């Protein structure tokens, strides 16, 4: 934890479900950092969303 914050920061909740899923799909397609993708997936799971097939 950095500065006493949990991974993912407080701003993930500001993303709409659609924006979160879109960010996940784009991040995986672009091969972004696995830690970032894991943070997105953690929030997707927390919201009980399902990743669209791609």
Foldseek 3Di string as FASTA:
>chain_A
DPPPDDPLPPCPVVDDLVRLLVVLVVCVVVVHDPSVNVSSVVVCVVVPHDRDDD
